[in-house]
Amino acid sequence: MHRMLSNLAPALILAAAMLLATAVAAAAPRTSWAAVAGPVLLVLGLLGADLVARHRCGGRSLPSASVLLLAAGLLVACGIVASLGVERLAETIPLLGSCAAVPVILRQQSAHIACRRA
């Protein structure tokens, strides 16, 4: 069971980050700090999931360049949505987080197979 939970750790981190970011953005829809805190929490969850996945495979303790680029794109997308209306940000955080999670989880699964072969 512990191994199975270890395999799910990056996905669980991303799911928790999406829930927390959405809750923060929805709790204070008209404040500017919520427009910043929600996406930042989502990006931190994305980076944390990548670090956990890389650490499990014996990789470096820095996020990969692809995840840093994905995190920057996620912040830009959240900024564009927030510029149209901060109240819409809470609605789009789960969608943007899910789109960002798919490449990270798929890359983590293929890296896990490569770790077992080595």
PDB file of N, CA and C in Angstrom:
ATOM      1  N   MET A   1       0.828  -1.203   0.000  1.00  0.00           N
ATOM      2  CA  MET A   1       0.000   0.000   0.000  1.00  0.00           C
ATOM      3  C   MET A   1       0.865   1.257   0.000  1.00  0.00           C
ATOM      4  N   HIS A   2       1.984   1.219   0.703  1.00  0.00           N
ATOM      5  CA  HIS A   2       2.855   2.389   0.770  1.00  0.00           C
ATOM      6  C   HIS A   2       3.415   2.733  -0.614  1.00  0.00           C
ATOM      7  N   ARG A   3       3.754   1.708  -1.397  1.00  0.00           N
ATOM      8  CA  ARG A   3       4.279   1.938  -2.743  1.00  0.00           C
ATOM      9  C   ARG A   3       3.213   2.578  -3.632  1.00  0.00           C
ATOM     10  N   MET A   4       1.985   2.125  -3.490  1.00  0.00           N
ATOM     11  CA  MET A   4       0.894   2.682  -4.287  1.00  0.00           C
ATOM     12  C   MET A   4       0.659   4.154  -3.928  1.00  0.00           C
ATOM     13  N   LEU A   5       0.703   4.472  -2.649  1.00  0.00           N
ATOM     14  CA  LEU A   5       0.544   5.855  -2.215  1.00  0.00           C
ATOM     15  C   LEU A   5       1.706   6.709  -2.707  1.00  0.00           C
ATOM     16  N   SER A   6       2.889   6.136  -2.731  1.00  0.00           N
ATOM     17  CA  SER A   6       4.055   6.850  -3.241  1.00  0.00           C
ATOM     18  C   SER A   6       3.902   7.161  -4.722  1.00  0.00           C
ATOM     19  N   ASN A   7       3.307   6.254  -5.475  1.00  0.00           N
ATOM     20  CA  ASN A   7       3.079   6.498  -6.902  1.00  0.00           C
ATOM     21  C   ASN A   7       2.039   7.587  -7.129  1.00  0.00           C
ATOM     22  N   LEU A   8       1.115   7.721  -6.203  1.00  0.00           N
ATOM     23  CA  LEU A   8       0.051   8.719  -6.339  1.00  0.00           C
ATOM     24  C   LEU A   8       0.434  10.089  -5.782  1.00  0.00           C
ATOM     25  N   ALA A   9       1.565  10.202  -5.128  1.00  0.00           N
ATOM     26  CA  ALA A   9       1.934  11.450  -4.445  1.00  0.00           C
ATOM     27  C   ALA A   9       1.896  12.677  -5.358  1.00  0.00           C
ATOM     28  N   PRO A  10       2.507  12.664  -6.552  1.00  0.00           N
ATOM     29  CA  PRO A  10       2.438  13.872  -7.391  1.00  0.00           C
ATOM     30  C   PRO A  10       1.009  14.258  -7.775  1.00  0.00           C
ATOM     31  N   ALA A  11       0.176  13.280  -8.097  1.00  0.00           N
ATOM     32  CA  ALA A  11      -1.211  13.571  -8.460  1.00  0.00           C
ATOM     33  C   ALA A  11      -1.983  14.109  -7.261  1.00  0.00           C
ATOM     34  N   LEU A  12      -1.724  13.559  -6.078  1.00  0.00           N
ATOM     35  CA  LEU A  12      -2.402  14.047  -4.868  1.00  0.00           C
ATOM     36  C   LEU A  12      -1.973  15.464  -4.523  1.00  0.00           C
ATOM     37  N   ILE A  13      -0.704  15.774  -4.723  1.00  0.00           N
ATOM     38  CA  ILE A  13      -0.214  17.138  -4.466  1.00  0.00           C
ATOM     39  C   ILE A  13      -0.895  18.121  -5.414  1.00  0.00           C
ATOM     40  N   LEU A  14      -0.980  17.756  -6.683  1.00  0.00           N
ATOM     41  CA  LEU A  14      -1.642  18.636  -7.654  1.00  0.00           C
ATOM     42  C   LEU A  14      -3.123  18.811  -7.350  1.00  0.00           C
ATOM     43  N   ALA A  15      -3.786  17.731  -6.957  1.00  0.00           N
ATOM     44  CA  ALA A  15      -5.210  17.827  -6.629  1.00  0.00           C
ATOM     45  C   ALA A  15      -5.431  18.722  -5.414  1.00  0.00           C
ATOM     46  N   ALA A  16      -4.603  18.564  -4.391  1.00  0.00           N
ATOM     47  CA  ALA A  16      -4.727  19.408  -3.194  1.00  0.00           C
ATOM     48  C   ALA A  16      -4.446  20.867  -3.530  1.00  0.00           C
ATOM     49  N   ALA A  17      -3.455  21.113  -4.373  1.00  0.00           N
ATOM     50  CA  ALA A  17      -3.135  22.487  -4.763  1.00  0.00           C
ATOM     51  C   ALA A  17      -4.279  23.120  -5.550  1.00  0.00           C
ATOM     52  N   MET A  18      -4.912  22.342  -6.440  1.00  0.00           N
ATOM     53  CA  MET A  18      -6.049  22.876  -7.200  1.00  0.00           C
ATOM     54  C   MET A  18      -7.222  23.208  -6.286  1.00  0.00           C
ATOM     55  N   LEU A  19      -7.507  22.323  -5.344  1.00  0.00           N
ATOM     56  CA  LEU A  19      -8.605  22.587  -4.408  1.00  0.00           C
ATOM     57  C   LEU A  19      -8.324  23.813  -3.551  1.00  0.00           C
ATOM     58  N   LEU A  20      -7.117  23.911  -3.030  1.00  0.00           N
ATOM     59  CA  LEU A  20      -6.764  25.047  -2.180  1.00  0.00           C
ATOM     60  C   LEU A  20      -6.759  26.354  -2.968  1.00  0.00           C
ATOM     61  N   ALA A  21      -6.206  26.325  -4.172  1.00  0.00           N
ATOM     62  CA  ALA A  21      -6.174  27.538  -4.996  1.00  0.00           C
ATOM     63  C   ALA A  21      -7.574  27.995  -5.373  1.00  0.00           C
ATOM     64  N   THR A  22      -8.443  27.052  -5.697  1.00  0.00           N
ATOM     65  CA  THR A  22      -9.822  27.401  -6.026  1.00  0.00           C
ATOM     66  C   THR A  22     -10.547  27.958  -4.812  1.00  0.00           C
ATOM     67  N   ALA A  23     -10.318  27.360  -3.644  1.00  0.00           N
ATOM     68  CA  ALA A  23     -10.963  27.849  -2.421  1.00  0.00           C
ATOM     69  C   ALA A  23     -10.504  29.261  -2.082  1.00  0.00           C
ATOM     70  N   VAL A  24      -9.224  29.535  -2.247  1.00  0.00           N
ATOM     71  CA  VAL A  24      -8.710  30.882  -1.951  1.00  0.00           C
ATOM     72  C   VAL A  24      -9.292  31.893  -2.934  1.00  0.00           C
ATOM     73  N   ALA A  25      -9.309  31.547  -4.203  1.00  0.00           N
ATOM     74  CA  ALA A  25      -9.826  32.482  -5.206  1.00  0.00           C
ATOM     75  C   ALA A  25     -11.334  32.688  -5.064  1.00  0.00           C
ATOM     76  N   ALA A  26     -12.055  31.662  -4.635  1.00  0.00           N
ATOM     77  CA  ALA A  26     -13.507  31.790  -4.480  1.00  0.00           C
ATOM     78  C   ALA A  26     -13.887  32.479  -3.182  1.00  0.00           C
ATOM     79  N   ALA A  27     -13.051  32.387  -2.157  1.00  0.00           N
ATOM     80  CA  ALA A  27     -13.369  32.984  -0.857  1.00  0.00           C
ATOM     81  C   ALA A  27     -13.325  34.509  -0.896  1.00  0.00           C
ATOM     82  N   ALA A  28     -12.464  35.046  -1.702  1.00  0.00           N
ATOM     83  CA  ALA A  28     -12.335  36.501  -1.773  1.00  0.00           C
ATOM     84  C   ALA A  28     -12.321  36.933  -3.236  1.00  0.00           C
ATOM     85  N   PRO A  29     -13.456  36.887  -3.906  1.00  0.00           N
ATOM     86  CA  PRO A  29     -13.463  37.113  -5.353  1.00  0.00           C
ATOM     87  C   PRO A  29     -13.137  38.538  -5.794  1.00  0.00           C
ATOM     88  N   ARG A  30     -13.301  39.501  -4.940  1.00  0.00           N
ATOM     89  CA  ARG A  30     -13.081  40.883  -5.388  1.00  0.00           C
ATOM     90  C   ARG A  30     -11.784  41.493  -4.857  1.00  0.00           C
ATOM     91  N   THR A  31     -10.947  40.699  -4.230  1.00  0.00           N
ATOM     92  CA  THR A  31      -9.699  41.235  -3.705  1.00  0.00           C
ATOM     93  C   THR A  31      -8.540  40.851  -4.615  1.00  0.00           C
ATOM     94  N   SER A  32      -7.566  41.730  -4.689  1.00  0.00           N
ATOM     95  CA  SER A  32      -6.434  41.479  -5.580  1.00  0.00           C
ATOM     96  C   SER A  32      -5.500  40.408  -5.025  1.00  0.00           C
ATOM     97  N   TRP A  33      -5.448  40.242  -3.704  1.00  0.00           N
ATOM     98  CA  TRP A  33      -4.555  39.219  -3.154  1.00  0.00           C
ATOM     99  C   TRP A  33      -5.032  37.816  -3.528  1.00  0.00           C
ATOM    100  N   ALA A  34      -6.337  37.621  -3.677  1.00  0.00           N
ATOM    101  CA  ALA A  34      -6.856  36.308  -4.079  1.00  0.00           C
ATOM    102  C   ALA A  34      -6.517  36.027  -5.539  1.00  0.00           C
ATOM    103  N   ALA A  35      -6.465  37.078  -6.347  1.00  0.00           N
ATOM    104  CA  ALA A  35      -6.103  36.909  -7.755  1.00  0.00           C
ATOM    105  C   ALA A  35      -4.643  36.516  -7.902  1.00  0.00           C
ATOM    106  N   VAL A  36      -3.833  36.831  -6.922  1.00  0.00           N
ATOM    107  CA  VAL A  36      -2.422  36.455  -6.947  1.00  0.00           C
ATOM    108  C   VAL A  36      -2.196  35.148  -6.197  1.00  0.00           C
ATOM    109  N   ALA A  37      -2.827  34.981  -5.050  1.00  0.00           N
ATOM    110  CA  ALA A  37      -2.574  33.815  -4.201  1.00  0.00           C
ATOM    111  C   ALA A  37      -3.055  32.514  -4.825  1.00  0.00           C
ATOM    112  N   GLY A  38      -4.192  32.518  -5.489  1.00  0.00           N
ATOM    113  CA  GLY A  38      -4.716  31.302  -6.097  1.00  0.00           C
ATOM    114  C   GLY A  38      -3.778  30.717  -7.146  1.00  0.00           C
ATOM    115  N   PRO A  39      -3.393  31.489  -8.154  1.00  0.00           N
ATOM    116  CA  PRO A  39      -2.461  30.961  -9.152  1.00  0.00           C
ATOM    117  C   PRO A  39      -1.085  30.604  -8.584  1.00  0.00           C
ATOM    118  N   VAL A  40      -0.618  31.376  -7.608  1.00  0.00           N
ATOM    119  CA  VAL A  40       0.679  31.056  -7.003  1.00  0.00           C
ATOM    120  C   VAL A  40       0.613  29.716  -6.276  1.00  0.00           C
ATOM    121  N   LEU A  41      -0.474  29.452  -5.573  1.00  0.00           N
ATOM    122  CA  LEU A  41      -0.633  28.151  -4.920  1.00  0.00           C
ATOM    123  C   LEU A  41      -0.682  27.025  -5.946  1.00  0.00           C
ATOM    124  N   LEU A  42      -1.330  27.266  -7.048  1.00  0.00           N
ATOM    125  CA  LEU A  42      -1.406  26.259  -8.106  1.00  0.00           C
ATOM    126  C   LEU A  42      -0.025  25.980  -8.698  1.00  0.00           C
ATOM    127  N   VAL A  43       0.745  27.014  -8.936  1.00  0.00           N
ATOM    128  CA  VAL A  43       2.092  26.845  -9.482  1.00  0.00           C
ATOM    129  C   VAL A  43       2.999  26.151  -8.466  1.00  0.00           C
ATOM    130  N   LEU A  44       2.873  26.494  -7.199  1.00  0.00           N
ATOM    131  CA  LEU A  44       3.676  25.818  -6.176  1.00  0.00           C
ATOM    132  C   LEU A  44       3.334  24.336  -6.094  1.00  0.00           C
ATOM    133  N   GLY A  45       2.053  24.003  -6.253  1.00  0.00           N
ATOM    134  CA  GLY A  45       1.657  22.597  -6.285  1.00  0.00           C
ATOM    135  C   GLY A  45       2.239  21.874  -7.493  1.00  0.00           C
ATOM    136  N   LEU A  46       2.261  22.551  -8.623  1.00  0.00           N
ATOM    137  CA  LEU A  46       2.837  21.975  -9.840  1.00  0.00           C
ATOM    138  C   LEU A  46       4.332  21.717  -9.660  1.00  0.00           C
ATOM    139  N   LEU A  47       5.038  22.690  -9.123  1.00  0.00           N
ATOM    140  CA  LEU A  47       6.472  22.526  -8.883  1.00  0.00           C
ATOM    141  C   LEU A  47       6.737  21.456  -7.825  1.00  0.00           C
ATOM    142  N   GLY A  48       5.906  21.422  -6.784  1.00  0.00           N
ATOM    143  CA  GLY A  48       6.062  20.404  -5.748  1.00  0.00           C
ATOM    144  C   GLY A  48       5.837  19.000  -6.281  1.00  0.00           C
ATOM    145  N   ALA A  49       4.850  18.830  -7.140  1.00  0.00           N
ATOM    146  CA  ALA A  49       4.589  17.519  -7.735  1.00  0.00           C
ATOM    147  C   ALA A  49       5.765  17.076  -8.601  1.00  0.00           C
ATOM    148  N   ASP A  50       6.345  18.012  -9.339  1.00  0.00           N
ATOM    149  CA  ASP A  50       7.500  17.668 -10.157  1.00  0.00           C
ATOM    150  C   ASP A  50       8.694  17.302  -9.290  1.00  0.00           C
ATOM    151  N   LEU A  51       8.911  18.031  -8.214  1.00  0.00           N
ATOM    152  CA  LEU A  51      10.033  17.724  -7.324  1.00  0.00           C
ATOM    153  C   LEU A  51       9.876  16.353  -6.674  1.00  0.00           C
ATOM    154  N   VAL A  52       8.661  16.015  -6.266  1.00  0.00           N
ATOM    155  CA  VAL A  52       8.418  14.705  -5.652  1.00  0.00           C
ATOM    156  C   VAL A  52       8.665  13.601  -6.676  1.00  0.00           C
ATOM    157  N   ALA A  53       8.197  13.801  -7.900  1.00  0.00           N
ATOM    158  CA  ALA A  53       8.387  12.790  -8.942  1.00  0.00           C
ATOM    159  C   ALA A  53       9.869  12.633  -9.293  1.00  0.00           C
ATOM    160  N   ARG A  54      10.593  13.727  -9.352  1.00  0.00           N
ATOM    161  CA  ARG A  54      12.022  13.650  -9.680  1.00  0.00           C
ATOM    162  C   ARG A  54      12.826  13.061  -8.534  1.00  0.00           C
ATOM    163  N   HIS A  55      12.449  13.365  -7.316  1.00  0.00           N
ATOM    164  CA  HIS A  55      13.173  12.836  -6.154  1.00  0.00           C
ATOM    165  C   HIS A  55      13.006  11.328  -6.054  1.00  0.00           C
ATOM    166  N   ARG A  56      11.821  10.842  -6.381  1.00  0.00           N
ATOM    167  CA  ARG A  56      11.546   9.410  -6.305  1.00  0.00           C
ATOM    168  C   ARG A  56      12.397   8.630  -7.289  1.00  0.00           C
ATOM    169  N   CYS A  57      12.736   9.233  -8.385  1.00  0.00           N
ATOM    170  CA  CYS A  57      13.515   8.559  -9.420  1.00  0.00           C
ATOM    171  C   CYS A  57      15.015   8.839  -9.269  1.00  0.00           C
ATOM    172  N   GLY A  58      15.393   9.527  -8.224  1.00  0.00           N
ATOM    173  CA  GLY A  58      16.805   9.814  -7.998  1.00  0.00           C
ATOM    174  C   GLY A  58      17.320  11.006  -8.777  1.00  0.00           C
ATOM    175  N   GLY A  59      16.437  11.860  -9.217  1.00  0.00           N
ATOM    176  CA  GLY A  59      16.832  13.030  -9.996  1.00  0.00           C
ATOM    177  C   GLY A  59      17.309  14.172  -9.113  1.00  0.00           C
ATOM    178  N   ARG A  60      17.659  15.273  -9.765  1.00  0.00           N
ATOM    179  CA  ARG A  60      18.118  16.449  -9.030  1.00  0.00           C
ATOM    180  C   ARG A  60      16.964  17.051  -8.245  1.00  0.00           C
ATOM    181  N   SER A  61      17.332  17.876  -7.289  1.00  0.00           N
ATOM    182  CA  SER A  61      16.295  18.486  -6.449  1.00  0.00           C
ATOM    183  C   SER A  61      15.866  19.855  -6.975  1.00  0.00           C
ATOM    184  N   LEU A  62      15.888  20.019  -8.276  1.00  0.00           N
ATOM    185  CA  LEU A  62      15.404  21.241  -8.923  1.00  0.00           C
ATOM    186  C   LEU A  62      14.303  20.857  -9.899  1.00  0.00           C
ATOM    187  N   PRO A  63      13.325  21.721 -10.079  1.00  0.00           N
ATOM    188  CA  PRO A  63      12.280  21.402 -11.064  1.00  0.00           C
ATOM    189  C   PRO A  63      12.858  21.395 -12.478  1.00  0.00           C
ATOM    190  N   SER A  64      12.240  20.617 -13.338  1.00  0.00           N
ATOM    191  CA  SER A  64      12.712  20.528 -14.718  1.00  0.00           C
ATOM    192  C   SER A  64      12.367  21.799 -15.486  1.00  0.00           C
ATOM    193  N   ALA A  65      13.074  22.004 -16.565  1.00  0.00           N
ATOM    194  CA  ALA A  65      12.850  23.200 -17.390  1.00  0.00           C
ATOM    195  C   ALA A  65      11.449  23.192 -17.996  1.00  0.00           C
ATOM    196  N   SER A  66      10.964  22.023 -18.365  1.00  0.00           N
ATOM    197  CA  SER A  66       9.627  21.959 -18.965  1.00  0.00           C
ATOM    198  C   SER A  66       8.548  22.346 -17.957  1.00  0.00           C
ATOM    199  N   VAL A  67       8.712  21.956 -16.707  1.00  0.00           N
ATOM    200  CA  VAL A  67       7.723  22.321 -15.690  1.00  0.00           C
ATOM    201  C   VAL A  67       7.827  23.805 -15.344  1.00  0.00           C
ATOM    202  N   LEU A  68       9.019  24.357 -15.354  1.00  0.00           N
ATOM    203  CA  LEU A  68       9.158  25.800 -15.133  1.00  0.00           C
ATOM    204  C   LEU A  68       8.476  26.586 -16.250  1.00  0.00           C
ATOM    205  N   LEU A  69       8.618  26.128 -17.479  1.00  0.00           N
ATOM    206  CA  LEU A  69       7.946  26.771 -18.609  1.00  0.00           C
ATOM    207  C   LEU A  69       6.437  26.621 -18.497  1.00  0.00           C
ATOM    208  N   LEU A  70       5.983  25.440 -18.080  1.00  0.00           N
ATOM    209  CA  LEU A  70       4.554  25.205 -17.885  1.00  0.00           C
ATOM    210  C   LEU A  70       4.002  26.089 -16.759  1.00  0.00           C
ATOM    211  N   ALA A  71       4.771  26.253 -15.697  1.00  0.00           N
ATOM    212  CA  ALA A  71       4.350  27.106 -14.578  1.00  0.00           C
ATOM    213  C   ALA A  71       4.255  28.569 -15.009  1.00  0.00           C
ATOM    214  N   ALA A  72       5.214  29.015 -15.813  1.00  0.00           N
ATOM    215  CA  ALA A  72       5.159  30.393 -16.312  1.00  0.00           C
ATOM    216  C   ALA A  72       3.943  30.600 -17.207  1.00  0.00           C
ATOM    217  N   GLY A  73       3.677  29.630 -18.071  1.00  0.00           N
ATOM    218  CA  GLY A  73       2.494  29.717 -18.922  1.00  0.00           C
ATOM    219  C   GLY A  73       1.206  29.716 -18.125  1.00  0.00           C
ATOM    220  N   LEU A  74       1.187  28.938 -17.044  1.00  0.00           N
ATOM    221  CA  LEU A  74       0.016  28.890 -16.175  1.00  0.00           C
ATOM    222  C   LEU A  74      -0.212  30.237 -15.484  1.00  0.00           C
ATOM    223  N   LEU A  75       0.859  30.867 -15.037  1.00  0.00           N
ATOM    224  CA  LEU A  75       0.723  32.194 -14.422  1.00  0.00           C
ATOM    225  C   LEU A  75       0.233  33.231 -15.427  1.00  0.00           C
ATOM    226  N   VAL A  76       0.731  33.156 -16.645  1.00  0.00           N
ATOM    227  CA  VAL A  76       0.283  34.091 -17.683  1.00  0.00           C
ATOM    228  C   VAL A  76      -1.198  33.868 -17.992  1.00  0.00           C
ATOM    229  N   ALA A  77      -1.597  32.605 -18.111  1.00  0.00           N
ATOM    230  CA  ALA A  77      -3.007  32.306 -18.393  1.00  0.00           C
ATOM    231  C   ALA A  77      -3.905  32.794 -17.266  1.00  0.00           C
ATOM    232  N   CYS A  78      -3.479  32.595 -16.014  1.00  0.00           N
ATOM    233  CA  CYS A  78      -4.264  33.092 -14.876  1.00  0.00           C
ATOM    234  C   CYS A  78      -4.310  34.613 -14.865  1.00  0.00           C
ATOM    235  N   GLY A  79      -3.217  35.248 -15.261  1.00  0.00           N
ATOM    236  CA  GLY A  79      -3.208  36.708 -15.346  1.00  0.00           C
ATOM    237  C   GLY A  79      -4.170  37.231 -16.394  1.00  0.00           C
ATOM    238  N   ILE A  80      -4.240  36.548 -17.525  1.00  0.00           N
ATOM    239  CA  ILE A  80      -5.171  36.958 -18.587  1.00  0.00           C
ATOM    240  C   ILE A  80      -6.615  36.810 -18.111  1.00  0.00           C
ATOM    241  N   VAL A  81      -6.921  35.693 -17.462  1.00  0.00           N
ATOM    242  CA  VAL A  81      -8.279  35.484 -16.959  1.00  0.00           C
ATOM    243  C   VAL A  81      -8.608  36.505 -15.880  1.00  0.00           C
ATOM    244  N   ALA A  82      -7.657  36.781 -14.990  1.00  0.00           N
ATOM    245  CA  ALA A  82      -7.901  37.750 -13.914  1.00  0.00           C
ATOM    246  C   ALA A  82      -8.083  39.163 -14.457  1.00  0.00           C
ATOM    247  N   SER A  83      -7.435  39.473 -15.567  1.00  0.00           N
ATOM    248  CA  SER A  83      -7.609  40.808 -16.137  1.00  0.00           C
ATOM    249  C   SER A  83      -9.015  41.004 -16.699  1.00  0.00           C
ATOM    250  N   LEU A  84      -9.648  39.918 -17.085  1.00  0.00           N
ATOM    251  CA  LEU A  84     -11.021  40.005 -17.586  1.00  0.00           C
ATOM    252  C   LEU A  84     -12.037  40.086 -16.458  1.00  0.00           C
ATOM    253  N   GLY A  85     -11.682  39.591 -15.292  1.00  0.00           N
ATOM    254  CA  GLY A  85     -12.568  39.610 -14.130  1.00  0.00           C
ATOM    255  C   GLY A  85     -12.069  38.637 -13.084  1.00  0.00           C
ATOM    256  N   VAL A  86     -11.788  39.146 -11.907  1.00  0.00           N
ATOM    257  CA  VAL A  86     -11.220  38.313 -10.852  1.00  0.00           C
ATOM    258  C   VAL A  86     -12.201  37.223 -10.428  1.00  0.00           C
ATOM    259  N   GLU A  87     -13.492  37.492 -10.520  1.00  0.00           N
ATOM    260  CA  GLU A  87     -14.479  36.485 -10.116  1.00  0.00           C
ATOM    261  C   GLU A  87     -14.454  35.259 -11.033  1.00  0.00           C
ATOM    262  N   ARG A  88     -13.994  35.409 -12.254  1.00  0.00           N
ATOM    263  CA  ARG A  88     -13.892  34.276 -13.189  1.00  0.00           C
ATOM    264  C   ARG A  88     -12.690  33.382 -12.886  1.00  0.00           C
ATOM    265  N   LEU A  89     -11.729  33.906 -12.145  1.00  0.00           N
ATOM    266  CA  LEU A  89     -10.509  33.166 -11.876  1.00  0.00           C
ATOM    267  C   LEU A  89     -10.781  31.888 -11.091  1.00  0.00           C
ATOM    268  N   ALA A  90     -11.668  31.950 -10.115  1.00  0.00           N
ATOM    269  CA  ALA A  90     -11.986  30.764  -9.313  1.00  0.00           C
ATOM    270  C   ALA A  90     -12.626  29.677 -10.160  1.00  0.00           C
ATOM    271  N   GLU A  91     -13.328  30.063 -11.214  1.00  0.00           N
ATOM    272  CA  GLU A  91     -13.958  29.080 -12.097  1.00  0.00           C
ATOM    273  C   GLU A  91     -12.949  28.402 -13.016  1.00  0.00           C
ATOM    274  N   THR A  92     -11.909  29.107 -13.393  1.00  0.00           N
ATOM    275  CA  THR A  92     -10.972  28.557 -14.368  1.00  0.00           C
ATOM    276  C   THR A  92      -9.751  27.889 -13.750  1.00  0.00           C
ATOM    277  N   ILE A  93      -9.491  28.093 -12.471  1.00  0.00           N
ATOM    278  CA  ILE A  93      -8.319  27.470 -11.848  1.00  0.00           C
ATOM    279  C   ILE A  93      -8.356  25.948 -11.957  1.00  0.00           C
ATOM    280  N   PRO A  94      -9.476  25.274 -11.678  1.00  0.00           N
ATOM    281  CA  PRO A  94      -9.457  23.804 -11.837  1.00  0.00           C
ATOM    282  C   PRO A  94      -9.188  23.358 -13.272  1.00  0.00           C
ATOM    283  N   LEU A  95      -9.721  24.089 -14.243  1.00  0.00           N
ATOM    284  CA  LEU A  95      -9.495  23.735 -15.641  1.00  0.00           C
ATOM    285  C   LEU A  95      -8.027  23.927 -16.024  1.00  0.00           C
ATOM    286  N   LEU A  96      -7.469  25.072 -15.675  1.00  0.00           N
ATOM    287  CA  LEU A  96      -6.069  25.329 -15.989  1.00  0.00           C
ATOM    288  C   LEU A  96      -5.153  24.360 -15.246  1.00  0.00           C
ATOM    289  N   GLY A  97      -5.483  24.062 -13.996  1.00  0.00           N
ATOM    290  CA  GLY A  97      -4.677  23.114 -13.219  1.00  0.00           C
ATOM    291  C   GLY A  97      -4.725  21.717 -13.793  1.00  0.00           C
ATOM    292  N   SER A  98      -5.882  21.313 -14.265  1.00  0.00           N
ATOM    293  CA  SER A  98      -6.010  19.984 -14.881  1.00  0.00           C
ATOM    294  C   SER A  98      -5.210  19.904 -16.174  1.00  0.00           C
ATOM    295  N   CYS A  99      -5.253  20.963 -16.950  1.00  0.00           N
ATOM    296  CA  CYS A  99      -4.475  20.985 -18.195  1.00  0.00           C
ATOM    297  C   CYS A  99      -2.977  20.947 -17.912  1.00  0.00           C
ATOM    298  N   ALA A 100      -2.553  21.596 -16.853  1.00  0.00           N
ATOM    299  CA  ALA A 100      -1.136  21.586 -16.489  1.00  0.00           C
ATOM    300  C   ALA A 100      -0.726  20.261 -15.861  1.00  0.00           C
ATOM    301  N   ALA A 101      -1.667  19.572 -15.227  1.00  0.00           N
ATOM    302  CA  ALA A 101      -1.341  18.322 -14.532  1.00  0.00           C
ATOM    303  C   ALA A 101      -1.110  17.171 -15.490  1.00  0.00           C
ATOM    304  N   VAL A 102      -1.785  17.169 -16.611  1.00  0.00           N
ATOM    305  CA  VAL A 102      -1.703  16.032 -17.536  1.00  0.00           C
ATOM    306  C   VAL A 102      -0.270  15.794 -18.022  1.00  0.00           C
ATOM    307  N   PRO A 103       0.454  16.795 -18.536  1.00  0.00           N
ATOM    308  CA  PRO A 103       1.821  16.509 -18.981  1.00  0.00           C
ATOM    309  C   PRO A 103       2.747  16.100 -17.848  1.00  0.00           C
ATOM    310  N   VAL A 104       2.565  16.675 -16.665  1.00  0.00           N
ATOM    311  CA  VAL A 104       3.436  16.337 -15.534  1.00  0.00           C
ATOM    312  C   VAL A 104       3.220  14.892 -15.116  1.00  0.00           C
ATOM    313  N   ILE A 105       1.974  14.464 -15.026  1.00  0.00           N
ATOM    314  CA  ILE A 105       1.688  13.100 -14.595  1.00  0.00           C
ATOM    315  C   ILE A 105       2.113  12.098 -15.664  1.00  0.00           C
ATOM    316  N   LEU A 106       1.878  12.400 -16.941  1.00  0.00           N
ATOM    317  CA  LEU A 106       2.297  11.489 -18.004  1.00  0.00           C
ATOM    318  C   LEU A 106       3.818  11.378 -18.069  1.00  0.00           C
ATOM    319  N   ARG A 107       4.510  12.493 -17.890  1.00  0.00           N
ATOM    320  CA  ARG A 107       5.975  12.465 -17.895  1.00  0.00           C
ATOM    321  C   ARG A 107       6.492  11.698 -16.705  1.00  0.00           C
ATOM    322  N   GLN A 108       5.826  11.841 -15.567  1.00  0.00           N
ATOM    323  CA  GLN A 108       6.227  11.134 -14.357  1.00  0.00           C
ATOM    324  C   GLN A 108       6.042   9.636 -14.536  1.00  0.00           C
ATOM    325  N   GLN A 109       4.985   9.204 -15.206  1.00  0.00           N
ATOM    326  CA  GLN A 109       4.766   7.783 -15.430  1.00  0.00           C
ATOM    327  C   GLN A 109       5.812   7.204 -16.372  1.00  0.00           C
ATOM    328  N   SER A 110       6.177   7.924 -17.422  1.00  0.00           N
ATOM    329  CA  SER A 110       7.198   7.412 -18.328  1.00  0.00           C
ATOM    330  C   SER A 110       8.571   7.416 -17.666  1.00  0.00           C
ATOM    331  N   ALA A 111       8.853   8.385 -16.806  1.00  0.00           N
ATOM    332  CA  ALA A 111      10.121   8.403 -16.075  1.00  0.00           C
ATOM    333  C   ALA A 111      10.178   7.269 -15.071  1.00  0.00           C
ATOM    334  N   HIS A 112       9.030   6.928 -14.480  1.00  0.00           N
ATOM    335  CA  HIS A 112       8.986   5.829 -13.516  1.00  0.00           C
ATOM    336  C   HIS A 112       9.326   4.501 -14.185  1.00  0.00           C
ATOM    337  N   ILE A 113       8.873   4.302 -15.428  1.00  0.00           N
ATOM    338  CA  ILE A 113       9.204   3.092 -16.182  1.00  0.00           C
ATOM    339  C   ILE A 113      10.696   3.073 -16.487  1.00  0.00           C
ATOM    340  N   ALA A 114      11.263   4.219 -16.850  1.00  0.00           N
ATOM    341  CA  ALA A 114      12.697   4.296 -17.130  1.00  0.00           C
ATOM    342  C   ALA A 114      13.518   4.043 -15.870  1.00  0.00           C
ATOM    343  N   CYS A 115      13.034   4.456 -14.712  1.00  0.00           N
ATOM    344  CA  CYS A 115      13.748   4.218 -13.453  1.00  0.00           C
ATOM    345  C   CYS A 115      13.810   2.725 -13.147  1.00  0.00           C
ATOM    346  N   ARG A 116      12.727   2.024 -13.429  1.00  0.00           N
ATOM    347  CA  ARG A 116      12.702   0.590 -13.155  1.00  0.00           C
ATOM    348  C   ARG A 116      13.641  -0.171 -14.075  1.00  0.00           C
ATOM    349  N   ARG A 117      13.823   0.304 -15.302  1.00  0.00           N
ATOM    350  CA  ARG A 117      14.713  -0.370 -16.249  1.00  0.00           C
ATOM    351  C   ARG A 117      16.166  -0.189 -15.869  1.00  0.00           C
ATOM    352  N   ALA A 118      16.501   0.939 -15.273  1.00  0.00           N
ATOM    353  CA  ALA A 118      17.904   1.234 -14.936  1.00  0.00           C
ATOM    354  C   ALA A 118      18.385   0.461 -13.739  1.00  0.00           C
TER     355      ALA A 118
END
